[in-house]
Amino acid sequence: MTFSDGTTLDASAVVANLDIWYAGRKNEGINPVGLFPKTYDRAEAIDATIVKVFFKAPTPRVHPDARLPWLHPHLAEEHRATRRPAG
């Protein structure tokens, strides 16, 4: 899978998106995803293609909806630095 600019969606991008989906960035106008498990603790990129996800309690089903917006890490950083909407 790639972003629209051709950059590969790698494990570090997945970790960043899981963190945003869980906690949002309210000071930047990005709300958490309401249906994302509240038991999410953190995620770690094991390598470029593997993500290990940790939960605070047993969580029977975690399936991020592919329709959720996947934020390109560079756009996320640019948005954070400029506080302008990405895109």
N, C-alpha and C. Protein backbone atom coordinates (compact mmCIF):
# COMPACT_ATOMS: atom_id res chain seq x y z
N MET A 1 0.85 -1.15 0.00
CA MET A 1 0.00 0.00 0.00
C MET A 1 0.91 1.23 0.00
N THR A 2 0.48 2.25 -0.72
CA THR A 2 1.26 3.48 -0.77
C THR A 2 0.35 4.68 -0.54
N PHE A 3 0.99 5.78 -0.15
CA PHE A 3 0.28 7.05 -0.07
C PHE A 3 0.15 7.61 -1.47
N SER A 4 -0.63 8.65 -1.64
CA SER A 4 -0.88 9.21 -2.97
C SER A 4 0.39 9.73 -3.63
N ASP A 5 1.43 10.04 -2.85
CA ASP A 5 2.69 10.52 -3.45
C ASP A 5 3.63 9.37 -3.79
N GLY A 6 3.17 8.12 -3.58
CA GLY A 6 3.98 6.96 -3.90
C GLY A 6 4.81 6.43 -2.75
N THR A 7 4.86 7.15 -1.63
CA THR A 7 5.60 6.70 -0.46
C THR A 7 4.91 5.47 0.13
N THR A 8 5.70 4.49 0.50
CA THR A 8 5.17 3.25 1.07
C THR A 8 4.57 3.49 2.45
N LEU A 9 3.42 2.89 2.68
CA LEU A 9 2.82 2.89 4.01
C LEU A 9 3.58 1.85 4.81
N ASP A 10 4.54 2.29 5.64
CA ASP A 10 5.37 1.35 6.39
C ASP A 10 4.91 1.28 7.84
N ALA A 11 5.60 0.46 8.62
CA ALA A 11 5.20 0.22 10.00
C ALA A 11 5.22 1.49 10.84
N SER A 12 6.18 2.37 10.63
CA SER A 12 6.22 3.60 11.42
C SER A 12 5.00 4.48 11.13
N ALA A 13 4.54 4.50 9.90
CA ALA A 13 3.33 5.25 9.56
C ALA A 13 2.11 4.62 10.21
N VAL A 14 2.06 3.29 10.25
CA VAL A 14 0.95 2.60 10.90
C VAL A 14 0.91 2.94 12.39
N VAL A 15 2.07 2.90 13.05
CA VAL A 15 2.15 3.24 14.48
C VAL A 15 1.64 4.66 14.71
N ALA A 16 2.11 5.61 13.90
CA ALA A 16 1.69 7.00 14.05
C ALA A 16 0.18 7.14 13.89
N ASN A 17 -0.40 6.43 12.92
CA ASN A 17 -1.83 6.50 12.70
C ASN A 17 -2.61 5.86 13.83
N LEU A 18 -2.16 4.72 14.34
CA LEU A 18 -2.85 4.09 15.48
C LEU A 18 -2.87 5.04 16.68
N ASP A 19 -1.74 5.70 16.93
CA ASP A 19 -1.68 6.66 18.04
C ASP A 19 -2.65 7.81 17.84
N ILE A 20 -2.73 8.32 16.61
CA ILE A 20 -3.65 9.41 16.32
C ILE A 20 -5.09 8.94 16.43
N TRP A 21 -5.40 7.75 15.89
CA TRP A 21 -6.77 7.24 15.97
C TRP A 21 -7.20 7.09 17.43
N TYR A 22 -6.26 6.66 18.30
CA TYR A 22 -6.59 6.45 19.71
C TYR A 22 -6.76 7.78 20.46
N ALA A 23 -5.77 8.63 20.38
CA ALA A 23 -5.75 9.83 21.22
C ALA A 23 -6.15 11.11 20.48
N GLY A 24 -6.04 11.09 19.15
CA GLY A 24 -6.28 12.31 18.41
C GLY A 24 -5.17 13.32 18.68
N ARG A 25 -5.35 14.49 18.19
CA ARG A 25 -4.48 15.65 18.48
C ARG A 25 -5.42 16.84 18.60
N LYS A 26 -6.09 16.88 19.73
CA LYS A 26 -7.16 17.87 19.91
C LYS A 26 -6.67 19.30 19.72
N ASN A 27 -5.43 19.59 20.12
CA ASN A 27 -4.92 20.95 19.95
C ASN A 27 -4.68 21.30 18.49
N GLU A 28 -4.76 20.28 17.61
CA GLU A 28 -4.60 20.51 16.17
C GLU A 28 -5.91 20.24 15.42
N GLY A 29 -6.99 20.03 16.18
CA GLY A 29 -8.28 19.81 15.57
C GLY A 29 -8.50 18.39 15.06
N ILE A 30 -7.67 17.44 15.51
CA ILE A 30 -7.82 16.04 15.10
C ILE A 30 -8.40 15.26 16.29
N ASN A 31 -9.63 14.79 16.14
CA ASN A 31 -10.28 14.05 17.21
C ASN A 31 -9.93 12.57 17.15
N PRO A 32 -10.01 11.88 18.30
CA PRO A 32 -9.82 10.43 18.28
C PRO A 32 -10.93 9.75 17.48
N VAL A 33 -10.66 8.56 16.98
CA VAL A 33 -11.68 7.77 16.28
C VAL A 33 -12.54 7.10 17.34
N GLY A 34 -13.82 7.41 17.35
CA GLY A 34 -14.72 6.95 18.39
C GLY A 34 -14.80 5.44 18.57
N LEU A 35 -14.71 4.68 17.49
CA LEU A 35 -14.85 3.23 17.58
C LEU A 35 -13.53 2.51 17.80
N PHE A 36 -12.43 3.25 17.92
CA PHE A 36 -11.13 2.62 18.14
C PHE A 36 -11.10 2.11 19.58
N PRO A 37 -10.54 0.91 19.83
CA PRO A 37 -10.58 0.32 21.17
C PRO A 37 -9.98 1.22 22.25
N LYS A 38 -10.73 1.40 23.31
CA LYS A 38 -10.26 2.21 24.45
C LYS A 38 -9.17 1.49 25.23
N THR A 39 -8.98 0.20 24.95
CA THR A 39 -7.96 -0.59 25.64
C THR A 39 -6.59 -0.47 24.99
N TYR A 40 -6.49 0.28 23.89
CA TYR A 40 -5.19 0.47 23.20
C TYR A 40 -4.19 1.09 24.16
N ASP A 41 -2.99 0.56 24.18
CA ASP A 41 -1.91 1.11 25.02
C ASP A 41 -0.85 1.78 24.16
N ARG A 42 -0.29 1.02 23.22
CA ARG A 42 0.75 1.57 22.34
C ARG A 42 1.02 0.58 21.22
N ALA A 43 1.80 1.03 20.25
CA ALA A 43 2.24 0.17 19.16
C ALA A 43 3.71 0.44 18.90
N GLU A 44 4.40 -0.59 18.44
CA GLU A 44 5.83 -0.47 18.13
C GLU A 44 6.09 -1.04 16.74
N ALA A 45 6.91 -0.34 15.98
CA ALA A 45 7.34 -0.84 14.67
C ALA A 45 8.50 -1.81 14.92
N ILE A 46 8.29 -3.07 14.63
CA ILE A 46 9.33 -4.09 14.81
C ILE A 46 10.34 -3.99 13.67
N ASP A 47 9.85 -3.82 12.47
CA ASP A 47 10.68 -3.54 11.30
C ASP A 47 9.80 -2.77 10.33
N ALA A 48 10.20 -2.65 9.10
CA ALA A 48 9.44 -1.83 8.15
C ALA A 48 8.05 -2.37 7.83
N THR A 49 7.82 -3.67 8.09
CA THR A 49 6.54 -4.26 7.71
C THR A 49 5.74 -4.88 8.86
N ILE A 50 6.30 -4.87 10.07
CA ILE A 50 5.62 -5.52 11.20
C ILE A 50 5.39 -4.52 12.32
N VAL A 51 4.13 -4.50 12.81
CA VAL A 51 3.75 -3.64 13.93
C VAL A 51 3.26 -4.53 15.06
N LYS A 52 3.77 -4.31 16.26
CA LYS A 52 3.31 -5.01 17.44
C LYS A 52 2.43 -4.05 18.23
N VAL A 53 1.19 -4.47 18.52
CA VAL A 53 0.23 -3.61 19.20
C VAL A 53 -0.02 -4.15 20.60
N PHE A 54 -0.02 -3.25 21.58
CA PHE A 54 -0.22 -3.59 22.98
C PHE A 54 -1.54 -3.00 23.47
N PHE A 55 -2.25 -3.78 24.29
CA PHE A 55 -3.50 -3.33 24.86
C PHE A 55 -3.44 -3.41 26.38
N LYS A 56 -4.25 -2.58 27.05
CA LYS A 56 -4.29 -2.53 28.51
C LYS A 56 -5.08 -3.70 29.08
N ALA A 57 -5.91 -4.31 28.26
CA ALA A 57 -6.77 -5.42 28.68
C ALA A 57 -7.05 -6.27 27.45
N PRO A 58 -7.51 -7.51 27.65
CA PRO A 58 -7.86 -8.34 26.49
C PRO A 58 -8.84 -7.60 25.58
N THR A 59 -8.53 -7.64 24.31
CA THR A 59 -9.35 -6.93 23.31
C THR A 59 -9.65 -7.93 22.20
N PRO A 60 -10.89 -8.44 22.16
CA PRO A 60 -11.19 -9.55 21.25
C PRO A 60 -11.11 -9.23 19.77
N ARG A 61 -11.41 -8.00 19.37
CA ARG A 61 -11.44 -7.73 17.94
C ARG A 61 -10.89 -6.33 17.66
N VAL A 62 -9.84 -6.30 16.89
CA VAL A 62 -9.29 -5.02 16.46
C VAL A 62 -9.12 -5.11 14.96
N HIS A 63 -9.85 -4.28 14.25
CA HIS A 63 -9.77 -4.28 12.80
C HIS A 63 -9.92 -2.85 12.33
N PRO A 64 -8.79 -2.11 12.21
CA PRO A 64 -8.93 -0.74 11.72
C PRO A 64 -9.61 -0.72 10.36
N ASP A 65 -10.58 0.11 10.24
CA ASP A 65 -11.33 0.24 9.00
C ASP A 65 -10.44 0.87 7.94
N ALA A 66 -10.29 0.21 6.83
CA ALA A 66 -9.44 0.73 5.75
C ALA A 66 -9.95 2.06 5.22
N ARG A 67 -11.20 2.38 5.53
CA ARG A 67 -11.75 3.65 5.07
C ARG A 67 -11.32 4.81 5.95
N LEU A 68 -10.72 4.53 7.12
CA LEU A 68 -10.23 5.61 7.97
C LEU A 68 -9.10 6.33 7.24
N PRO A 69 -8.96 7.62 7.48
CA PRO A 69 -7.89 8.34 6.79
C PRO A 69 -6.52 7.93 7.32
N TRP A 70 -5.64 7.56 6.41
CA TRP A 70 -4.26 7.24 6.76
C TRP A 70 -3.44 8.49 6.51
N LEU A 71 -2.87 9.05 7.56
CA LEU A 71 -2.13 10.29 7.47
C LEU A 71 -0.68 10.01 7.15
N HIS A 72 -0.19 10.61 6.08
CA HIS A 72 1.22 10.48 5.70
C HIS A 72 2.07 11.12 6.79
N PRO A 73 3.11 10.43 7.30
CA PRO A 73 3.92 10.99 8.39
C PRO A 73 4.48 12.37 8.07
N HIS A 74 4.87 12.63 6.85
CA HIS A 74 5.42 13.94 6.51
C HIS A 74 4.33 15.01 6.57
N LEU A 75 3.13 14.67 6.14
CA LEU A 75 2.04 15.63 6.23
C LEU A 75 1.67 15.88 7.68
N ALA A 76 1.72 14.84 8.50
CA ALA A 76 1.42 15.00 9.92
C ALA A 76 2.42 15.95 10.56
N GLU A 77 3.70 15.78 10.25
CA GLU A 77 4.73 16.66 10.81
C GLU A 77 4.57 18.08 10.28
N GLU A 78 4.28 18.22 8.99
CA GLU A 78 4.09 19.54 8.41
C GLU A 78 2.89 20.22 9.05
N HIS A 79 1.81 19.46 9.23
CA HIS A 79 0.61 20.01 9.86
C HIS A 79 0.92 20.46 11.29
N ARG A 80 1.67 19.64 12.01
CA ARG A 80 2.01 19.98 13.39
C ARG A 80 2.88 21.23 13.42
N ALA A 81 3.81 21.35 12.49
CA ALA A 81 4.73 22.48 12.49
C ALA A 81 4.04 23.78 12.07
N THR A 82 3.10 23.70 11.14
CA THR A 82 2.50 24.92 10.60
C THR A 82 1.12 25.19 11.17
N ARG A 83 0.50 24.14 11.76
CA ARG A 83 -0.86 24.22 12.29
C ARG A 83 -1.86 24.61 11.20
N ARG A 84 -1.54 24.25 9.97
CA ARG A 84 -2.47 24.43 8.85
C ARG A 84 -3.01 23.06 8.48
N PRO A 85 -4.21 23.00 7.96
CA PRO A 85 -4.73 21.70 7.52
C PRO A 85 -3.82 21.08 6.45
N ALA A 86 -3.55 19.79 6.60
CA ALA A 86 -2.76 19.08 5.59
C ALA A 86 -3.62 18.80 4.38
N GLY A 87 -3.03 18.85 3.20
CA GLY A 87 -3.78 18.50 2.01
C GLY A 87 -3.91 19.62 1.14
